[in-house]
């Protein structure tokens, strides 16, 4: 599956300069890891966002947000945020901040 390179570039620009950030092809798209833990990624034209599992239900109530499920077994804490919810730099940054905070709180891999 191809992924939206312009979205990947927008994410790169916001994660650049952070220590411990790694880019890796995963899930048929592109993932960004913090200290070895996935935080955000690009899947098609949507952004994968990893957040605390207990925050999943509240996040799913927001427009253009859905569960990330490519296996038929969805997991709490993994979302897809569709392009309309990422149409400004501030909106994109908000999701990145949520994901980086969660990934940074996990033990390094």
PDB file of N, CA and C in Angstrom:
ATOM      1  N   UNK A   1       0.844  -1.185   0.000  1.00  0.00           N
ATOM      2  CA  UNK A   1       0.000   0.000   0.000  1.00  0.00           C
ATOM      3  C   UNK A   1       0.883   1.240   0.000  1.00  0.00           C
ATOM      4  N   UNK A   2       0.588   2.146  -0.871  1.00  0.00           N
ATOM      5  CA  UNK A   2       1.299   3.422  -0.903  1.00  0.00           C
ATOM      6  C   UNK A   2       0.799   4.300   0.244  1.00  0.00           C
ATOM      7  N   UNK A   3       1.640   5.190   0.689  1.00  0.00           N
ATOM      8  CA  UNK A   3       1.228   6.110   1.756  1.00  0.00           C
ATOM      9  C   UNK A   3       1.461   7.542   1.299  1.00  0.00           C
ATOM     10  N   UNK A   4       0.770   8.451   1.943  1.00  0.00           N
ATOM     11  CA  UNK A   4       0.813   9.872   1.601  1.00  0.00           C
ATOM     12  C   UNK A   4       2.159  10.457   2.034  1.00  0.00           C
ATOM     13  N   UNK A   5       3.037  10.647   1.068  1.00  0.00           N
ATOM     14  CA  UNK A   5       4.370  11.159   1.362  1.00  0.00           C
ATOM     15  C   UNK A   5       4.322  12.596   1.887  1.00  0.00           C
ATOM     16  N   UNK A   6       3.351  13.379   1.468  1.00  0.00           N
ATOM     17  CA  UNK A   6       3.278  14.763   1.978  1.00  0.00           C
ATOM     18  C   UNK A   6       2.895  14.770   3.461  1.00  0.00           C
ATOM     19  N   UNK A   7       2.032  13.861   3.864  1.00  0.00           N
ATOM     20  CA  UNK A   7       1.713  13.741   5.292  1.00  0.00           C
ATOM     21  C   UNK A   7       2.943  13.271   6.054  1.00  0.00           C
ATOM     22  N   UNK A   8       3.661  12.307   5.504  1.00  0.00           N
ATOM     23  CA  UNK A   8       4.893  11.838   6.149  1.00  0.00           C
ATOM     24  C   UNK A   8       5.880  12.989   6.323  1.00  0.00           C
ATOM     25  N   UNK A   9       5.994  13.835   5.320  1.00  0.00           N
ATOM     26  CA  UNK A   9       6.912  14.969   5.390  1.00  0.00           C
ATOM     27  C   UNK A   9       6.466  15.972   6.460  1.00  0.00           C
ATOM     28  N   UNK A  10       5.175  16.204   6.566  1.00  0.00           N
ATOM     29  CA  UNK A  10       4.660  17.106   7.617  1.00  0.00           C
ATOM     30  C   UNK A  10       4.979  16.553   9.005  1.00  0.00           C
ATOM     31  N   UNK A  11       4.833  15.244   9.176  1.00  0.00           N
ATOM     32  CA  UNK A  11       5.147  14.622  10.468  1.00  0.00           C
ATOM     33  C   UNK A  11       6.649  14.704  10.731  1.00  0.00           C
ATOM     34  N   UNK A  12       7.453  14.370   9.733  1.00  0.00           N
ATOM     35  CA  UNK A  12       8.922  14.445   9.860  1.00  0.00           C
ATOM     36  C   UNK A  12       9.361  15.824  10.341  1.00  0.00           C
ATOM     37  N   UNK A  13       8.781  16.849   9.748  1.00  0.00           N
ATOM     38  CA  UNK A  13       9.147  18.228  10.099  1.00  0.00           C
ATOM     39  C   UNK A  13       8.856  18.533  11.565  1.00  0.00           C
ATOM     40  N   UNK A  14       7.835  17.915  12.120  1.00  0.00           N
ATOM     41  CA  UNK A  14       7.467  18.182  13.504  1.00  0.00           C
ATOM     42  C   UNK A  14       8.204  17.287  14.493  1.00  0.00           C
ATOM     43  N   UNK A  15       8.676  16.142  14.029  1.00  0.00           N
ATOM     44  CA  UNK A  15       9.422  15.241  14.910  1.00  0.00           C
ATOM     45  C   UNK A  15      10.925  15.437  14.800  1.00  0.00           C
ATOM     46  N   UNK A  16      11.349  16.122  13.746  1.00  0.00           N
ATOM     47  CA  UNK A  16      12.778  16.345  13.535  1.00  0.00           C
ATOM     48  C   UNK A  16      13.411  17.042  14.723  1.00  0.00           C
ATOM     49  N   UNK A  17      14.582  16.604  15.069  1.00  0.00           N
ATOM     50  CA  UNK A  17      15.284  17.227  16.182  1.00  0.00           C
ATOM     51  C   UNK A  17      15.009  16.578  17.521  1.00  0.00           C
ATOM     52  N   UNK A  18      13.998  15.739  17.605  1.00  0.00           N
ATOM     53  CA  UNK A  18      13.741  15.033  18.864  1.00  0.00           C
ATOM     54  C   UNK A  18      14.695  13.859  18.983  1.00  0.00           C
ATOM     55  N   UNK A  19      15.242  13.691  20.148  1.00  0.00           N
ATOM     56  CA  UNK A  19      16.149  12.568  20.374  1.00  0.00           C
ATOM     57  C   UNK A  19      15.368  11.261  20.357  1.00  0.00           C
ATOM     58  N   UNK A  20      15.988  10.240  19.813  1.00  0.00           N
ATOM     59  CA  UNK A  20      15.406   8.910  19.873  1.00  0.00           C
ATOM     60  C   UNK A  20      14.301   8.630  18.871  1.00  0.00           C
ATOM     61  N   UNK A  21      14.110   9.482  17.855  1.00  0.00           N
ATOM     62  CA  UNK A  21      13.068   9.266  16.847  1.00  0.00           C
ATOM     63  C   UNK A  21      13.651   8.461  15.689  1.00  0.00           C
ATOM     64  N   UNK A  22      12.918   7.424  15.288  1.00  0.00           N
ATOM     65  CA  UNK A  22      13.337   6.557  14.190  1.00  0.00           C
ATOM     66  C   UNK A  22      12.162   6.373  13.248  1.00  0.00           C
ATOM     67  N   UNK A  23      12.455   6.314  11.983  1.00  0.00           N
ATOM     68  CA  UNK A  23      11.451   6.097  10.941  1.00  0.00           C
ATOM     69  C   UNK A  23      11.601   4.674  10.429  1.00  0.00           C
ATOM     70  N   UNK A  24      10.468   3.979  10.244  1.00  0.00           N
ATOM     71  CA  UNK A  24      10.545   2.590   9.818  1.00  0.00           C
ATOM     72  C   UNK A  24       9.312   2.234   8.996  1.00  0.00           C
ATOM     73  N   UNK A  25       9.490   1.478   7.922  1.00  0.00           N
ATOM     74  CA  UNK A  25       8.344   1.019   7.135  1.00  0.00           C
ATOM     75  C   UNK A  25       7.663  -0.114   7.898  1.00  0.00           C
ATOM     76  N   UNK A  26       6.370   0.080   8.172  1.00  0.00           N
ATOM     77  CA  UNK A  26       5.566  -0.891   8.922  1.00  0.00           C
ATOM     78  C   UNK A  26       4.114  -0.755   8.491  1.00  0.00           C
ATOM     79  N   UNK A  27       3.320  -1.781   8.719  1.00  0.00           N
ATOM     80  CA  UNK A  27       1.879  -1.741   8.492  1.00  0.00           C
ATOM     81  C   UNK A  27       1.522  -1.357   7.058  1.00  0.00           C
ATOM     82  N   UNK A  28       2.399  -1.617   6.127  1.00  0.00           N
ATOM     83  CA  UNK A  28       2.148  -1.210   4.751  1.00  0.00           C
ATOM     84  C   UNK A  28       2.265   0.292   4.565  1.00  0.00           C
ATOM     85  N   UNK A  29       2.866   0.953   5.524  1.00  0.00           N
ATOM     86  CA  UNK A  29       3.041   2.402   5.465  1.00  0.00           C
ATOM     87  C   UNK A  29       4.345   2.788   6.122  1.00  0.00           C
ATOM     88  N   UNK A  30       4.329   3.886   6.836  1.00  0.00           N
ATOM     89  CA  UNK A  30       5.520   4.412   7.477  1.00  0.00           C
ATOM     90  C   UNK A  30       5.213   4.673   8.935  1.00  0.00           C
ATOM     91  N   UNK A  31       6.116   4.257   9.815  1.00  0.00           N
ATOM     92  CA  UNK A  31       5.935   4.470  11.254  1.00  0.00           C
ATOM     93  C   UNK A  31       7.064   5.344  11.789  1.00  0.00           C
ATOM     94  N   UNK A  32       6.729   6.112  12.808  1.00  0.00           N
ATOM     95  CA  UNK A  32       7.714   6.912  13.528  1.00  0.00           C
ATOM     96  C   UNK A  32       7.740   6.391  14.956  1.00  0.00           C
ATOM     97  N   UNK A  33       8.925   6.032  15.413  1.00  0.00           N
ATOM     98  CA  UNK A  33       9.097   5.456  16.739  1.00  0.00           C
ATOM     99  C   UNK A  33       9.874   6.418  17.622  1.00  0.00           C
ATOM    100  N   UNK A  34       9.504   6.447  18.889  1.00  0.00           N
ATOM    101  CA  UNK A  34      10.213   7.236  19.895  1.00  0.00           C
ATOM    102  C   UNK A  34      10.769   6.243  20.900  1.00  0.00           C
ATOM    103  N   UNK A  35      12.082   6.206  21.026  1.00  0.00           N
ATOM    104  CA  UNK A  35      12.768   5.268  21.927  1.00  0.00           C
ATOM    105  C   UNK A  35      12.349   3.822  21.654  1.00  0.00           C
ATOM    106  N   UNK A  36      12.089   3.521  20.372  1.00  0.00           N
ATOM    107  CA  UNK A  36      11.728   2.173  19.975  1.00  0.00           C
ATOM    108  C   UNK A  36      10.251   1.855  20.035  1.00  0.00           C
ATOM    109  N   UNK A  37       9.434   2.788  20.505  1.00  0.00           N
ATOM    110  CA  UNK A  37       7.989   2.598  20.613  1.00  0.00           C
ATOM    111  C   UNK A  37       7.274   3.389  19.531  1.00  0.00           C
ATOM    112  N   UNK A  38       6.407   2.714  18.808  1.00  0.00           N
ATOM    113  CA  UNK A  38       5.615   3.384  17.769  1.00  0.00           C
ATOM    114  C   UNK A  38       4.811   4.514  18.393  1.00  0.00           C
ATOM    115  N   UNK A  39       4.799   5.677  17.741  1.00  0.00           N
ATOM    116  CA  UNK A  39       3.951   6.775  18.228  1.00  0.00           C
ATOM    117  C   UNK A  39       2.974   7.237  17.157  1.00  0.00           C
ATOM    118  N   UNK A  40       3.459   7.521  15.961  1.00  0.00           N
ATOM    119  CA  UNK A  40       2.579   7.902  14.852  1.00  0.00           C
ATOM    120  C   UNK A  40       3.071   7.222  13.590  1.00  0.00           C
ATOM    121  N   UNK A  41       2.219   7.263  12.572  1.00  0.00           N
ATOM    122  CA  UNK A  41       2.606   6.700  11.300  1.00  0.00           C
ATOM    123  C   UNK A  41       1.672   7.185  10.210  1.00  0.00           C
ATOM    124  N   UNK A  42       1.945   6.737   9.006  1.00  0.00           N
ATOM    125  CA  UNK A  42       1.110   7.084   7.861  1.00  0.00           C
ATOM    126  C   UNK A  42       0.649   5.775   7.226  1.00  0.00           C
ATOM    127  N   UNK A  43      -0.648   5.650   7.068  1.00  0.00           N
ATOM    128  CA  UNK A  43      -1.263   4.472   6.461  1.00  0.00           C
ATOM    129  C   UNK A  43      -2.226   4.985   5.398  1.00  0.00           C
ATOM    130  N   UNK A  44      -1.865   4.811   4.142  1.00  0.00           N
ATOM    131  CA  UNK A  44      -2.655   5.410   3.067  1.00  0.00           C
ATOM    132  C   UNK A  44      -2.557   6.916   3.174  1.00  0.00           C
ATOM    133  N   UNK A  45      -3.706   7.583   3.286  1.00  0.00           N
ATOM    134  CA  UNK A  45      -3.684   9.042   3.449  1.00  0.00           C
ATOM    135  C   UNK A  45      -4.060   9.463   4.868  1.00  0.00           C
ATOM    136  N   UNK A  46      -4.079   8.506   5.790  1.00  0.00           N
ATOM    137  CA  UNK A  46      -4.439   8.780   7.186  1.00  0.00           C
ATOM    138  C   UNK A  46      -3.220   8.646   8.086  1.00  0.00           C
ATOM    139  N   UNK A  47      -3.325   9.234   9.274  1.00  0.00           N
ATOM    140  CA  UNK A  47      -2.257   9.149  10.249  1.00  0.00           C
ATOM    141  C   UNK A  47      -2.623   8.124  11.310  1.00  0.00           C
ATOM    142  N   UNK A  48      -1.686   7.218  11.596  1.00  0.00           N
ATOM    143  CA  UNK A  48      -1.840   6.295  12.709  1.00  0.00           C
ATOM    144  C   UNK A  48      -1.411   7.055  13.956  1.00  0.00           C
ATOM    145  N   UNK A  49      -2.220   6.974  14.986  1.00  0.00           N
ATOM    146  CA  UNK A  49      -1.897   7.623  16.253  1.00  0.00           C
ATOM    147  C   UNK A  49      -1.984   6.584  17.355  1.00  0.00           C
ATOM    148  N   UNK A  50      -0.936   6.492  18.152  1.00  0.00           N
ATOM    149  CA  UNK A  50      -0.942   5.597  19.305  1.00  0.00           C
ATOM    150  C   UNK A  50      -1.117   6.457  20.546  1.00  0.00           C
ATOM    151  N   UNK A  51      -2.064   6.079  21.372  1.00  0.00           N
ATOM    152  CA  UNK A  51      -2.322   6.828  22.592  1.00  0.00           C
ATOM    153  C   UNK A  51      -2.651   5.858  23.708  1.00  0.00           C
ATOM    154  N   UNK A  52      -2.785   6.371  24.898  1.00  0.00           N
ATOM    155  CA  UNK A  52      -3.114   5.521  26.047  1.00  0.00           C
ATOM    156  C   UNK A  52      -4.430   4.800  25.772  1.00  0.00           C
ATOM    157  N   UNK A  53      -4.468   3.492  25.991  1.00  0.00           N
ATOM    158  CA  UNK A  53      -5.692   2.733  25.706  1.00  0.00           C
ATOM    159  C   UNK A  53      -6.940   3.315  26.352  1.00  0.00           C
ATOM    160  N   UNK A  54      -6.807   3.861  27.541  1.00  0.00           N
ATOM    161  CA  UNK A  54      -7.976   4.423  28.235  1.00  0.00           C
ATOM    162  C   UNK A  54      -8.479   5.721  27.588  1.00  0.00           C
ATOM    163  N   UNK A  55      -7.718   6.298  26.680  1.00  0.00           N
ATOM    164  CA  UNK A  55      -8.139   7.511  25.972  1.00  0.00           C
ATOM    165  C   UNK A  55      -8.839   7.203  24.642  1.00  0.00           C
ATOM    166  N   UNK A  56      -8.885   5.926  24.271  1.00  0.00           N
ATOM    167  CA  UNK A  56      -9.424   5.527  22.970  1.00  0.00           C
ATOM    168  C   UNK A  56     -10.873   5.948  22.774  1.00  0.00           C
ATOM    169  N   UNK A  57     -11.740   5.612  23.714  1.00  0.00           N
ATOM    170  CA  UNK A  57     -13.177   5.885  23.535  1.00  0.00           C
ATOM    171  C   UNK A  57     -13.456   7.371  23.351  1.00  0.00           C
ATOM    172  N   UNK A  58     -12.802   8.215  24.125  1.00  0.00           N
ATOM    173  CA  UNK A  58     -13.004   9.665  23.991  1.00  0.00           C
ATOM    174  C   UNK A  58     -12.494  10.157  22.636  1.00  0.00           C
ATOM    175  N   UNK A  59     -11.353   9.646  22.204  1.00  0.00           N
ATOM    176  CA  UNK A  59     -10.793  10.075  20.919  1.00  0.00           C
ATOM    177  C   UNK A  59     -11.682   9.653  19.755  1.00  0.00           C
ATOM    178  N   UNK A  60     -12.313   8.502  19.862  1.00  0.00           N
ATOM    179  CA  UNK A  60     -13.174   8.010  18.784  1.00  0.00           C
ATOM    180  C   UNK A  60     -14.434   8.852  18.597  1.00  0.00           C
ATOM    181  N   UNK A  61     -14.760   9.679  19.554  1.00  0.00           N
ATOM    182  CA  UNK A  61     -15.930  10.563  19.441  1.00  0.00           C
ATOM    183  C   UNK A  61     -15.622  11.797  18.595  1.00  0.00           C
ATOM    184  N   UNK A  62     -14.356  12.024  18.309  1.00  0.00           N
ATOM    185  CA  UNK A  62     -13.962  13.184  17.501  1.00  0.00           C
ATOM    186  C   UNK A  62     -14.200  12.874  16.028  1.00  0.00           C
ATOM    187  N   UNK A  63     -14.533  13.900  15.246  1.00  0.00           N
ATOM    188  CA  UNK A  63     -14.763  13.667  13.821  1.00  0.00           C
ATOM    189  C   UNK A  63     -13.504  13.181  13.099  1.00  0.00           C
ATOM    190  N   UNK A  64     -13.701  12.285  12.152  1.00  0.00           N
ATOM    191  CA  UNK A  64     -12.640  11.791  11.274  1.00  0.00           C
ATOM    192  C   UNK A  64     -11.601  10.941  12.005  1.00  0.00           C
ATOM    193  N   UNK A  65     -12.031  10.321  13.098  1.00  0.00           N
ATOM    194  CA  UNK A  65     -11.155   9.438  13.863  1.00  0.00           C
ATOM    195  C   UNK A  65     -11.822   8.069  13.917  1.00  0.00           C
ATOM    196  N   UNK A  66     -11.031   7.033  13.659  1.00  0.00           N
ATOM    197  CA  UNK A  66     -11.563   5.669  13.700  1.00  0.00           C
ATOM    198  C   UNK A  66     -10.493   4.735  14.237  1.00  0.00           C
ATOM    199  N   UNK A  67     -10.924   3.563  14.606  1.00  0.00           N
ATOM    200  CA  UNK A  67      -9.988   2.584  15.144  1.00  0.00           C
ATOM    201  C   UNK A  67      -9.064   2.089  14.029  1.00  0.00           C
ATOM    202  N   UNK A  68      -7.815   1.873  14.349  1.00  0.00           N
ATOM    203  CA  UNK A  68      -6.853   1.318  13.395  1.00  0.00           C
ATOM    204  C   UNK A  68      -6.962  -0.194  13.478  1.00  0.00           C
ATOM    205  N   UNK A  69      -7.459  -0.793  12.405  1.00  0.00           N
ATOM    206  CA  UNK A  69      -7.688  -2.235  12.410  1.00  0.00           C
ATOM    207  C   UNK A  69      -7.376  -2.797  11.037  1.00  0.00           C
ATOM    208  N   UNK A  70      -6.193  -3.374  10.901  1.00  0.00           N
ATOM    209  CA  UNK A  70      -5.845  -3.999   9.627  1.00  0.00           C
ATOM    210  C   UNK A  70      -5.800  -5.518   9.748  1.00  0.00           C
ATOM    211  N   UNK A  71      -6.028  -6.021  10.960  1.00  0.00           N
ATOM    212  CA  UNK A  71      -5.938  -7.456  11.196  1.00  0.00           C
ATOM    213  C   UNK A  71      -7.285  -8.102  11.497  1.00  0.00           C
ATOM    214  N   UNK A  72      -8.325  -7.291  11.712  1.00  0.00           N
ATOM    215  CA  UNK A  72      -9.611  -7.831  12.140  1.00  0.00           C
ATOM    216  C   UNK A  72      -9.694  -7.983  13.644  1.00  0.00           C
ATOM    217  N   UNK A  73      -8.646  -7.580  14.338  1.00  0.00           N
ATOM    218  CA  UNK A  73      -8.618  -7.631  15.805  1.00  0.00           C
ATOM    219  C   UNK A  73      -8.183  -6.274  16.346  1.00  0.00           C
ATOM    220  N   UNK A  74      -9.111  -5.316  16.392  1.00  0.00           N
ATOM    221  CA  UNK A  74      -8.725  -3.958  16.815  1.00  0.00           C
ATOM    222  C   UNK A  74      -8.232  -3.926  18.260  1.00  0.00           C
ATOM    223  N   UNK A  75      -7.307  -3.008  18.508  1.00  0.00           N
ATOM    224  CA  UNK A  75      -6.767  -2.832  19.854  1.00  0.00           C
ATOM    225  C   UNK A  75      -7.006  -1.398  20.311  1.00  0.00           C
ATOM    226  N   UNK A  76      -7.366  -1.249  21.555  1.00  0.00           N
ATOM    227  CA  UNK A  76      -7.490   0.100  22.114  1.00  0.00           C
ATOM    228  C   UNK A  76      -6.112   0.756  22.094  1.00  0.00           C
ATOM    229  N   UNK A  77      -6.126   2.049  21.837  1.00  0.00           N
ATOM    230  CA  UNK A  77      -4.879   2.801  21.833  1.00  0.00           C
ATOM    231  C   UNK A  77      -4.260   2.983  20.456  1.00  0.00           C
ATOM    232  N   UNK A  78      -4.929   2.475  19.413  1.00  0.00           N
ATOM    233  CA  UNK A  78      -4.430   2.611  18.045  1.00  0.00           C
ATOM    234  C   UNK A  78      -5.545   3.187  17.196  1.00  0.00           C
ATOM    235  N   UNK A  79      -5.320   4.377  16.616  1.00  0.00           N
ATOM    236  CA  UNK A  79      -6.338   5.079  15.845  1.00  0.00           C
ATOM    237  C   UNK A  79      -5.832   5.441  14.458  1.00  0.00           C
ATOM    238  N   UNK A  80      -6.782   5.667  13.577  1.00  0.00           N
ATOM    239  CA  UNK A  80      -6.497   6.300  12.290  1.00  0.00           C
ATOM    240  C   UNK A  80      -7.205   7.642  12.294  1.00  0.00           C
ATOM    241  N   UNK A  81      -6.465   8.683  11.975  1.00  0.00           N
ATOM    242  CA  UNK A  81      -7.024  10.032  11.892  1.00  0.00           C
ATOM    243  C   UNK A  81      -7.003  10.403  10.416  1.00  0.00           C
ATOM    244  N   UNK A  82      -8.183  10.675   9.875  1.00  0.00           N
ATOM    245  CA  UNK A  82      -8.327  10.938   8.449  1.00  0.00           C
ATOM    246  C   UNK A  82      -7.973  12.383   8.093  1.00  0.00           C
ATOM    247  N   UNK A  83      -7.657  12.633   6.829  1.00  0.00           N
ATOM    248  CA  UNK A  83      -7.141  13.942   6.393  1.00  0.00           C
ATOM    249  C   UNK A  83      -7.921  15.182   6.859  1.00  0.00           C
ATOM    250  N   UNK A  84      -9.264  15.183   6.876  1.00  0.00           N
ATOM    251  CA  UNK A  84      -9.936  16.410   7.318  1.00  0.00           C
ATOM    252  C   UNK A  84      -9.573  16.845   8.746  1.00  0.00           C
ATOM    253  N   UNK A  85      -9.175  15.894   9.579  1.00  0.00           N
ATOM    254  CA  UNK A  85      -8.792  16.229  10.955  1.00  0.00           C
ATOM    255  C   UNK A  85      -7.326  16.650  11.061  1.00  0.00           C
ATOM    256  N   UNK A  86      -6.626  16.649   9.934  1.00  0.00           N
ATOM    257  CA  UNK A  86      -5.196  16.994   9.914  1.00  0.00           C
ATOM    258  C   UNK A  86      -4.925  18.174   8.994  1.00  0.00           C
ATOM    259  N   UNK A  87      -5.968  18.912   8.666  1.00  0.00           N
ATOM    260  CA  UNK A  87      -5.853  19.932   7.622  1.00  0.00           C
ATOM    261  C   UNK A  87      -5.145  21.212   8.047  1.00  0.00           C
ATOM    262  N   UNK A  88      -4.807  21.339   9.319  1.00  0.00           N
ATOM    263  CA  UNK A  88      -3.999  22.483   9.754  1.00  0.00           C
ATOM    264  C   UNK A  88      -2.786  21.955  10.515  1.00  0.00           C
ATOM    265  N   UNK A  89      -1.753  22.759  10.582  1.00  0.00           N
ATOM    266  CA  UNK A  89      -0.567  22.357  11.330  1.00  0.00           C
ATOM    267  C   UNK A  89      -0.886  22.166  12.807  1.00  0.00           C
ATOM    268  N   UNK A  90      -1.760  23.003  13.347  1.00  0.00           N
ATOM    269  CA  UNK A  90      -2.124  22.886  14.761  1.00  0.00           C
ATOM    270  C   UNK A  90      -2.836  21.562  15.050  1.00  0.00           C
ATOM    271  N   UNK A  91      -3.727  21.147  14.176  1.00  0.00           N
ATOM    272  CA  UNK A  91      -4.437  19.874  14.374  1.00  0.00           C
ATOM    273  C   UNK A  91      -3.472  18.694  14.283  1.00  0.00           C
ATOM    274  N   UNK A  92      -2.597  18.738  13.297  1.00  0.00           N
ATOM    275  CA  UNK A  92      -1.601  17.683  13.163  1.00  0.00           C
ATOM    276  C   UNK A  92      -0.719  17.627  14.403  1.00  0.00           C
ATOM    277  N   UNK A  93      -0.265  18.781  14.858  1.00  0.00           N
ATOM    278  CA  UNK A  93       0.627  18.840  16.018  1.00  0.00           C
ATOM    279  C   UNK A  93      -0.050  18.291  17.268  1.00  0.00           C
ATOM    280  N   UNK A  94      -1.332  18.552  17.424  1.00  0.00           N
ATOM    281  CA  UNK A  94      -2.060  18.061  18.609  1.00  0.00           C
ATOM    282  C   UNK A  94      -2.006  16.537  18.677  1.00  0.00           C
ATOM    283  N   UNK A  95      -2.270  15.866  17.548  1.00  0.00           N
ATOM    284  CA  UNK A  95      -2.232  14.403  17.526  1.00  0.00           C
ATOM    285  C   UNK A  95      -0.808  13.894  17.746  1.00  0.00           C
ATOM    286  N   UNK A  96       0.167  14.553  17.150  1.00  0.00           N
ATOM    287  CA  UNK A  96       1.558  14.152  17.350  1.00  0.00           C
ATOM    288  C   UNK A  96       1.930  14.265  18.820  1.00  0.00           C
ATOM    289  N   UNK A  97       1.545  15.354  19.459  1.00  0.00           N
ATOM    290  CA  UNK A  97       1.877  15.563  20.872  1.00  0.00           C
ATOM    291  C   UNK A  97       1.284  14.464  21.755  1.00  0.00           C
ATOM    292  N   UNK A  98       0.038  14.084  21.484  1.00  0.00           N
ATOM    293  CA  UNK A  98      -0.614  13.011  22.254  1.00  0.00           C
ATOM    294  C   UNK A  98       0.171  11.713  22.102  1.00  0.00           C
ATOM    295  N   UNK A  99       0.533  11.386  20.861  1.00  0.00           N
ATOM    296  CA  UNK A  99       1.228  10.128  20.587  1.00  0.00           C
ATOM    297  C   UNK A  99       2.645  10.118  21.152  1.00  0.00           C
ATOM    298  N   UNK A 100       3.367  11.213  21.015  1.00  0.00           N
ATOM    299  CA  UNK A 100       4.736  11.278  21.530  1.00  0.00           C
ATOM    300  C   UNK A 100       4.729  11.185  23.051  1.00  0.00           C
ATOM    301  N   UNK A 101       3.780  11.834  23.688  1.00  0.00           N
ATOM    302  CA  UNK A 101       3.698  11.766  25.155  1.00  0.00           C
ATOM    303  C   UNK A 101       3.489  10.321  25.614  1.00  0.00           C
ATOM    304  N   UNK A 102       2.603   9.611  24.930  1.00  0.00           N
ATOM    305  CA  UNK A 102       2.352   8.224  25.329  1.00  0.00           C
ATOM    306  C   UNK A 102       3.572   7.347  25.046  1.00  0.00           C
ATOM    307  N   UNK A 103       4.123   7.422  23.858  1.00  0.00           N
ATOM    308  CA  UNK A 103       5.276   6.584  23.501  1.00  0.00           C
ATOM    309  C   UNK A 103       6.480   6.895  24.404  1.00  0.00           C
ATOM    310  N   UNK A 104       6.650   8.148  24.781  1.00  0.00           N
ATOM    311  CA  UNK A 104       7.771   8.545  25.631  1.00  0.00           C
ATOM    312  C   UNK A 104       7.631   8.006  27.045  1.00  0.00           C
ATOM    313  N   UNK A 105       6.401   7.741  27.463  1.00  0.00           N
ATOM    314  CA  UNK A 105       6.160   7.231  28.810  1.00  0.00           C
ATOM    315  C   UNK A 105       6.381   5.711  28.900  1.00  0.00           C
ATOM    316  N   UNK A 106       6.476   5.044  27.766  1.00  0.00           N
ATOM    317  CA  UNK A 106       6.706   3.600  27.753  1.00  0.00           C
ATOM    318  C   UNK A 106       8.183   3.298  27.955  1.00  0.00           C
ATOM    319  N   UNK A 107       8.497   2.113  28.475  1.00  0.00           N
ATOM    320  CA  UNK A 107       9.910   1.751  28.596  1.00  0.00           C
ATOM    321  C   UNK A 107      10.562   1.671  27.223  1.00  0.00           C
ATOM    322  N   UNK A 108      11.804   2.112  27.094  1.00  0.00           N
ATOM    323  CA  UNK A 108      12.479   2.036  25.793  1.00  0.00           C
ATOM    324  C   UNK A 108      12.637   0.580  25.353  1.00  0.00           C
ATOM    325  N   UNK A 109      12.637   0.396  24.033  1.00  0.00           N
ATOM    326  CA  UNK A 109      12.855  -0.952  23.481  1.00  0.00           C
ATOM    327  C   UNK A 109      14.242  -1.037  22.903  1.00  0.00           C
TER     328      UNK A 109
END
